[in-house]
Amino acid sequence: YQWYAFLAKPVGTAQSDLKPTEATADGCAPGNPAYLRGVFEGWSGDIHHIIRATRDDEVEQRDLYDRPPAIRQPWTSGRVALLGDAIHAMMPNLGQGGCQAIEDAITLAEEISKIKTRDHSEVSAALSTYKDRRLVRSASVQGLSRFASDIIIRGFDTPAKIVDGEFQNFNYAGIVTRILQPILPVFFTIQFAFLYSGYRNEVGVKDVANGAGLALFGSLLLLGFAAVAADAGLLLAFGFESASALFEALSTGGFLDAAQTFGAEVSDIL
């Protein structure tokens, strides 16, 4: 059997966290199983049964990494091109890492097949077109994957509900999750329609020149979400070490300068 769980933990805590040295009262083995039993206290008994059936040496903590979209970074050099996680690593929550690598390979093959000679300039042009076709979609999927990861790990919870006259999970996250339940199917429909309809990668960088303002607006939204969630990864991507640093920049007008620079860079790229 195989199972996994997402936990919001700092990188490297697999080695630094102290784990229980004794088994739990309901039979979870010492170490990782006993630790996870405590993390999932109050969850379904089926979850606890799975943890009880797992030995300590069968549990691995694998830290997850992604990267900001490689907008200004080169995808190609001469006759060499990067694809997959090498150029657009992303969170696994949408199951798109391997899918995007396959789209890279197909797009690259399509552009290479158009080459008529072995001339260096023709090869470079084909690889450049490959990047142009893939940049917008891969960056979008990277953003959606990070957003899904943050929402699942930091935002959502078991929906608040009333069972046999008793309130269950009536905390902030539980109430918000319950309120958003009617909206989520619509969001997921739009999201997956995008994921499974744009695989031909026909929209290139030049086609989104008018979207620079939207990109800036989206960046502001991401920054706001990062400040609320204290998402260090997102804040660092925008050059802020902490939420307090972001608020200080906003109060001094420093972020406006950064936003104008960002807009200018996007215009240069497009």
Protein backbone atom coordinates (compact mmCIF):
# COMPACT_ATOMS: atom_id res chain seq x y z
CA TYR A 1 0.00 0.00 0.00
CA GLN A 2 1.04 3.60 -0.36
CA TRP A 3 -0.29 6.81 1.19
CA TYR A 4 0.83 10.38 1.62
CA ALA A 5 -0.08 13.45 3.65
CA PHE A 6 0.73 17.14 3.15
CA LEU A 7 2.03 18.94 6.24
CA ALA A 8 3.03 22.60 6.50
CA LYS A 9 6.50 22.13 7.99
CA PRO A 10 9.82 23.93 7.49
CA VAL A 11 12.40 22.31 5.22
CA GLY A 12 14.75 19.93 7.05
CA THR A 13 12.50 19.13 9.99
CA ALA A 14 12.66 15.42 9.15
CA GLN A 15 16.06 15.45 10.88
CA SER A 16 15.47 18.15 13.51
CA ASP A 17 12.01 17.24 14.88
CA LEU A 18 11.92 15.03 17.95
CA LYS A 19 9.57 12.08 17.49
CA PRO A 20 7.82 10.08 20.25
CA THR A 21 9.93 7.24 21.60
CA GLU A 22 6.98 5.17 22.77
CA ALA A 23 4.01 3.65 21.00
CA THR A 24 0.63 5.34 21.32
CA ALA A 25 -2.15 3.87 23.43
CA ASP A 26 -3.98 2.67 20.32
CA GLY A 27 -0.93 0.88 18.89
CA CYS A 28 0.87 3.31 16.58
CA ALA A 29 4.59 2.49 16.48
CA PRO A 30 7.16 4.82 18.08
CA GLY A 31 8.70 7.49 15.88
CA ASN A 32 6.93 8.79 12.79
CA PRO A 33 3.68 6.77 13.21
CA ALA A 34 3.19 8.01 16.79
CA TYR A 35 4.01 11.55 15.68
CA LEU A 36 1.51 11.43 12.79
CA ARG A 37 -1.14 9.93 15.08
CA GLY A 38 -0.91 13.11 17.14
CA VAL A 39 -1.00 15.35 14.05
CA PHE A 40 -4.19 13.66 12.84
CA GLU A 41 -5.94 13.55 16.19
CA GLY A 42 -9.69 13.92 15.64
CA TRP A 43 -9.60 12.66 12.05
CA SER A 44 -11.45 9.63 10.73
CA GLY A 45 -10.68 6.31 12.36
CA ASP A 46 -9.70 5.01 8.92
CA ILE A 47 -6.74 7.41 8.95
CA HIS A 48 -5.61 6.13 12.34
CA HIS A 49 -5.93 2.54 11.12
CA ILE A 50 -3.60 3.27 8.20
CA ILE A 51 -1.05 4.91 10.53
CA ARG A 52 -1.19 1.92 12.92
CA ALA A 53 -0.45 -0.41 10.01
CA THR A 54 2.68 1.58 9.06
CA ARG A 55 6.16 0.89 10.46
CA ASP A 56 8.46 3.76 11.39
CA ASP A 57 11.01 2.87 8.68
CA GLU A 58 8.26 3.00 6.04
CA VAL A 59 7.59 6.72 6.58
CA GLU A 60 9.65 9.28 4.67
CA GLN A 61 9.41 13.06 4.86
CA ARG A 62 10.12 14.51 1.43
CA ASP A 63 10.41 18.27 1.34
CA LEU A 64 8.73 19.89 -1.67
CA TYR A 65 10.32 22.62 -3.77
CA ASP A 66 9.14 24.75 -6.65
CA ARG A 67 10.55 27.87 -8.31
CA PRO A 68 9.20 31.13 -9.71
CA PRO A 69 8.39 31.07 -13.44
CA ALA A 70 11.59 31.41 -15.52
CA ILE A 71 10.47 34.54 -17.35
CA ARG A 72 13.84 36.25 -17.65
CA GLN A 73 16.03 33.17 -17.30
CA PRO A 74 17.19 31.37 -20.46
CA TRP A 75 15.53 28.09 -21.36
CA THR A 76 18.03 27.32 -24.09
CA SER A 77 21.73 27.68 -24.86
CA GLY A 78 22.93 26.91 -28.34
CA ARG A 79 21.62 23.47 -29.23
CA VAL A 80 20.60 22.63 -25.63
CA ALA A 81 17.11 23.18 -24.19
CA LEU A 82 15.73 22.59 -20.71
CA LEU A 83 12.35 20.99 -20.05
CA GLY A 84 10.29 19.64 -17.17
CA ASP A 85 11.38 20.30 -13.59
CA ALA A 86 14.73 21.58 -14.84
CA ILE A 87 13.03 24.81 -15.95
CA HIS A 88 9.59 24.96 -14.29
CA ALA A 89 9.53 22.91 -11.09
CA MET A 90 6.09 23.09 -9.44
CA MET A 91 4.13 21.86 -6.45
CA PRO A 92 2.52 18.42 -6.97
CA ASN A 93 -1.02 19.34 -5.88
CA LEU A 94 -2.47 19.46 -9.41
CA GLY A 95 -0.53 16.44 -10.67
CA GLN A 96 0.95 18.55 -13.45
CA GLY A 97 4.73 18.18 -13.09
CA GLY A 98 5.01 15.17 -15.39
CA CYS A 99 2.20 16.43 -17.63
CA GLN A 100 4.00 19.70 -18.29
CA ALA A 101 7.23 17.84 -19.07
CA ILE A 102 5.33 15.80 -21.68
CA GLU A 103 3.91 18.99 -23.20
CA ASP A 104 7.47 20.37 -23.30
CA ALA A 105 8.66 17.30 -25.17
CA ILE A 106 5.81 17.41 -27.69
CA THR A 107 6.23 21.13 -28.37
CA LEU A 108 9.99 20.74 -28.69
CA ALA A 109 9.56 17.84 -31.13
CA GLU A 110 7.10 19.88 -33.20
CA GLU A 111 9.53 22.79 -33.51
CA ILE A 112 12.56 20.59 -34.19
CA SER A 113 10.65 18.73 -36.93
CA LYS A 114 10.28 22.03 -38.84
CA ILE A 115 14.04 22.46 -39.20
CA LYS A 116 15.19 22.03 -42.80
CA THR A 117 18.95 22.25 -42.29
CA ARG A 118 21.53 21.81 -39.52
CA ASP A 119 22.28 25.52 -39.57
CA HIS A 120 22.95 26.80 -36.04
CA SER A 121 20.67 29.83 -36.41
CA GLU A 122 17.76 27.65 -37.54
CA VAL A 123 18.17 25.35 -34.55
CA SER A 124 18.38 28.32 -32.17
CA ALA A 125 15.25 29.85 -33.69
CA ALA A 126 13.35 26.57 -33.24
CA LEU A 127 14.40 26.33 -29.58
CA SER A 128 13.46 29.98 -29.02
CA THR A 129 9.99 29.31 -30.46
CA TYR A 130 9.69 26.31 -28.14
CA LYS A 131 10.25 28.61 -25.14
CA ASP A 132 7.79 31.21 -26.47
CA ARG A 133 5.07 28.60 -26.89
CA ARG A 134 5.58 27.03 -23.47
CA LEU A 135 6.36 29.99 -21.22
CA VAL A 136 2.83 31.33 -20.68
CA ARG A 137 1.16 27.99 -20.02
CA SER A 138 3.91 26.50 -17.85
CA ALA A 139 4.08 29.67 -15.74
CA SER A 140 0.30 29.63 -15.32
CA VAL A 141 0.33 26.00 -14.19
CA GLN A 142 3.19 26.77 -11.79
CA GLY A 143 1.10 29.54 -10.25
CA LEU A 144 -2.03 27.41 -10.00
CA SER A 145 -0.04 24.57 -8.42
CA ARG A 146 1.49 26.87 -5.78
CA PHE A 147 -1.92 28.42 -5.07
CA ALA A 148 -3.50 24.97 -4.69
CA SER A 149 -0.69 23.94 -2.35
CA ASP A 150 -1.08 27.02 -0.14
CA ILE A 151 -4.86 26.69 -0.07
CA ILE A 152 -4.83 23.00 0.82
CA ILE A 153 -2.10 23.21 3.46
CA ARG A 154 -2.67 26.65 4.97
CA GLY A 155 -6.21 27.66 4.08
CA PHE A 156 -8.78 24.87 3.94
CA ASP A 157 -9.82 22.51 6.68
CA THR A 158 -12.57 20.00 7.35
CA PRO A 159 -15.78 22.01 6.79
CA ALA A 160 -17.57 23.19 9.91
CA LYS A 161 -20.75 21.23 10.52
CA ILE A 162 -23.34 20.25 13.11
CA VAL A 163 -23.61 16.52 13.91
CA ASP A 164 -26.22 15.25 16.37
CA GLY A 165 -26.65 18.76 17.72
CA GLU A 166 -22.92 19.25 18.30
CA PHE A 167 -20.71 21.83 16.56
CA GLN A 168 -17.71 20.26 14.85
CA ASN A 169 -14.64 22.10 13.56
CA PHE A 170 -16.11 25.54 14.19
CA ASN A 171 -12.80 27.33 13.71
CA TYR A 172 -11.89 30.02 11.18
CA ALA A 173 -10.61 27.66 8.49
CA GLY A 174 -13.53 25.26 8.96
CA ILE A 175 -16.12 28.03 8.61
CA VAL A 176 -14.39 29.54 5.55
CA THR A 177 -14.19 26.11 3.92
CA ARG A 178 -17.92 25.58 4.53
CA ILE A 179 -18.80 28.99 3.06
CA LEU A 180 -16.68 28.34 -0.05
CA GLN A 181 -18.05 24.84 -0.71
CA PRO A 182 -20.74 26.02 -3.20
CA ILE A 183 -18.14 28.08 -5.11
CA LEU A 184 -15.35 25.51 -5.31
CA PRO A 185 -16.98 23.28 -7.98
CA VAL A 186 -17.18 26.29 -10.32
CA PHE A 187 -13.54 27.19 -9.65
CA PHE A 188 -12.39 23.62 -10.17
CA THR A 189 -14.36 23.34 -13.41
CA ILE A 190 -12.65 26.44 -14.82
CA GLN A 191 -9.25 25.35 -13.53
CA PHE A 192 -9.36 21.88 -15.02
CA ALA A 193 -10.85 23.15 -18.27
CA PHE A 194 -7.70 25.28 -18.58
CA LEU A 195 -5.38 22.43 -17.64
CA TYR A 196 -6.87 20.00 -20.14
CA SER A 197 -7.64 22.32 -23.05
CA GLY A 198 -4.44 24.27 -23.63
CA TYR A 199 -2.12 21.34 -24.22
CA ARG A 200 -1.46 22.39 -27.84
CA ASN A 201 0.44 25.42 -26.52
CA GLU A 202 -0.74 27.71 -29.29
CA VAL A 203 -0.61 30.88 -27.15
CA GLY A 204 2.87 32.36 -27.09
CA VAL A 205 4.54 35.19 -25.23
CA LYS A 206 3.73 37.73 -27.95
CA ASP A 207 0.03 36.95 -27.62
CA VAL A 208 -0.12 38.19 -24.04
CA ALA A 209 1.56 41.56 -24.52
CA ASN A 210 -1.65 43.26 -23.43
CA GLY A 211 -1.71 41.17 -20.28
CA ALA A 212 1.16 42.98 -18.54
CA GLY A 213 -1.29 44.91 -16.38
CA LEU A 214 -3.06 41.69 -15.44
CA ALA A 215 0.27 40.15 -14.46
CA LEU A 216 0.97 43.12 -12.19
CA PHE A 217 -2.49 42.88 -10.63
CA GLY A 218 -2.00 39.14 -10.10
CA SER A 219 1.33 39.84 -8.42
CA LEU A 220 -0.37 42.21 -5.99
CA LEU A 221 -2.93 39.55 -5.14
CA LEU A 222 -0.19 36.98 -4.56
CA LEU A 223 1.68 39.39 -2.32
CA GLY A 224 -1.45 40.05 -0.30
CA PHE A 225 -2.09 36.33 0.10
CA ALA A 226 1.56 35.76 1.05
CA ALA A 227 1.37 38.46 3.73
CA VAL A 228 -1.77 36.96 5.25
CA ALA A 229 -0.46 33.38 5.10
CA ALA A 230 3.11 34.43 6.02
CA ASP A 231 4.24 32.48 2.96
CA ALA A 232 8.01 32.99 3.07
CA GLY A 233 8.51 31.41 -0.36
CA LEU A 234 6.19 33.84 -2.12
CA LEU A 235 7.49 36.85 -0.21
CA LEU A 236 11.10 36.02 -1.02
CA ALA A 237 10.20 35.63 -4.68
CA PHE A 238 9.17 39.29 -4.62
CA GLY A 239 12.22 40.41 -2.64
CA PHE A 240 10.66 40.68 0.84
CA GLU A 241 12.12 38.72 3.75
CA SER A 242 8.94 38.84 5.86
CA ALA A 243 5.39 40.16 6.00
CA SER A 244 6.64 43.08 8.10
CA ALA A 245 9.14 43.98 5.37
CA LEU A 246 6.29 43.99 2.83
CA PHE A 247 4.16 46.29 4.98
CA GLU A 248 7.12 48.62 5.53
CA ALA A 249 7.67 48.84 1.77
CA LEU A 250 4.00 49.60 1.24
CA SER A 251 4.05 52.36 3.85
CA THR A 252 7.14 54.04 2.40
CA GLY A 253 6.12 53.77 -1.23
CA GLY A 254 9.00 51.40 -1.99
CA PHE A 255 6.69 48.75 -3.36
CA LEU A 256 5.27 51.17 -5.91
CA ASP A 257 8.76 51.60 -7.33
CA ALA A 258 9.19 47.83 -7.42
CA ALA A 259 5.81 47.40 -9.12
CA GLN A 260 6.71 49.98 -11.78
CA THR A 261 10.02 48.20 -12.38
CA PHE A 262 8.17 44.88 -12.67
CA GLY A 263 5.80 46.36 -15.25
CA ALA A 264 8.70 47.76 -17.25
CA GLU A 265 10.49 44.40 -17.21
CA VAL A 266 7.38 42.59 -18.42
CA SER A 267 7.02 45.11 -21.26
CA ASP A 268 10.68 44.56 -22.20
CA ILE A 269 10.20 40.80 -22.27
CA LEU A 270 7.05 41.00 -24.40
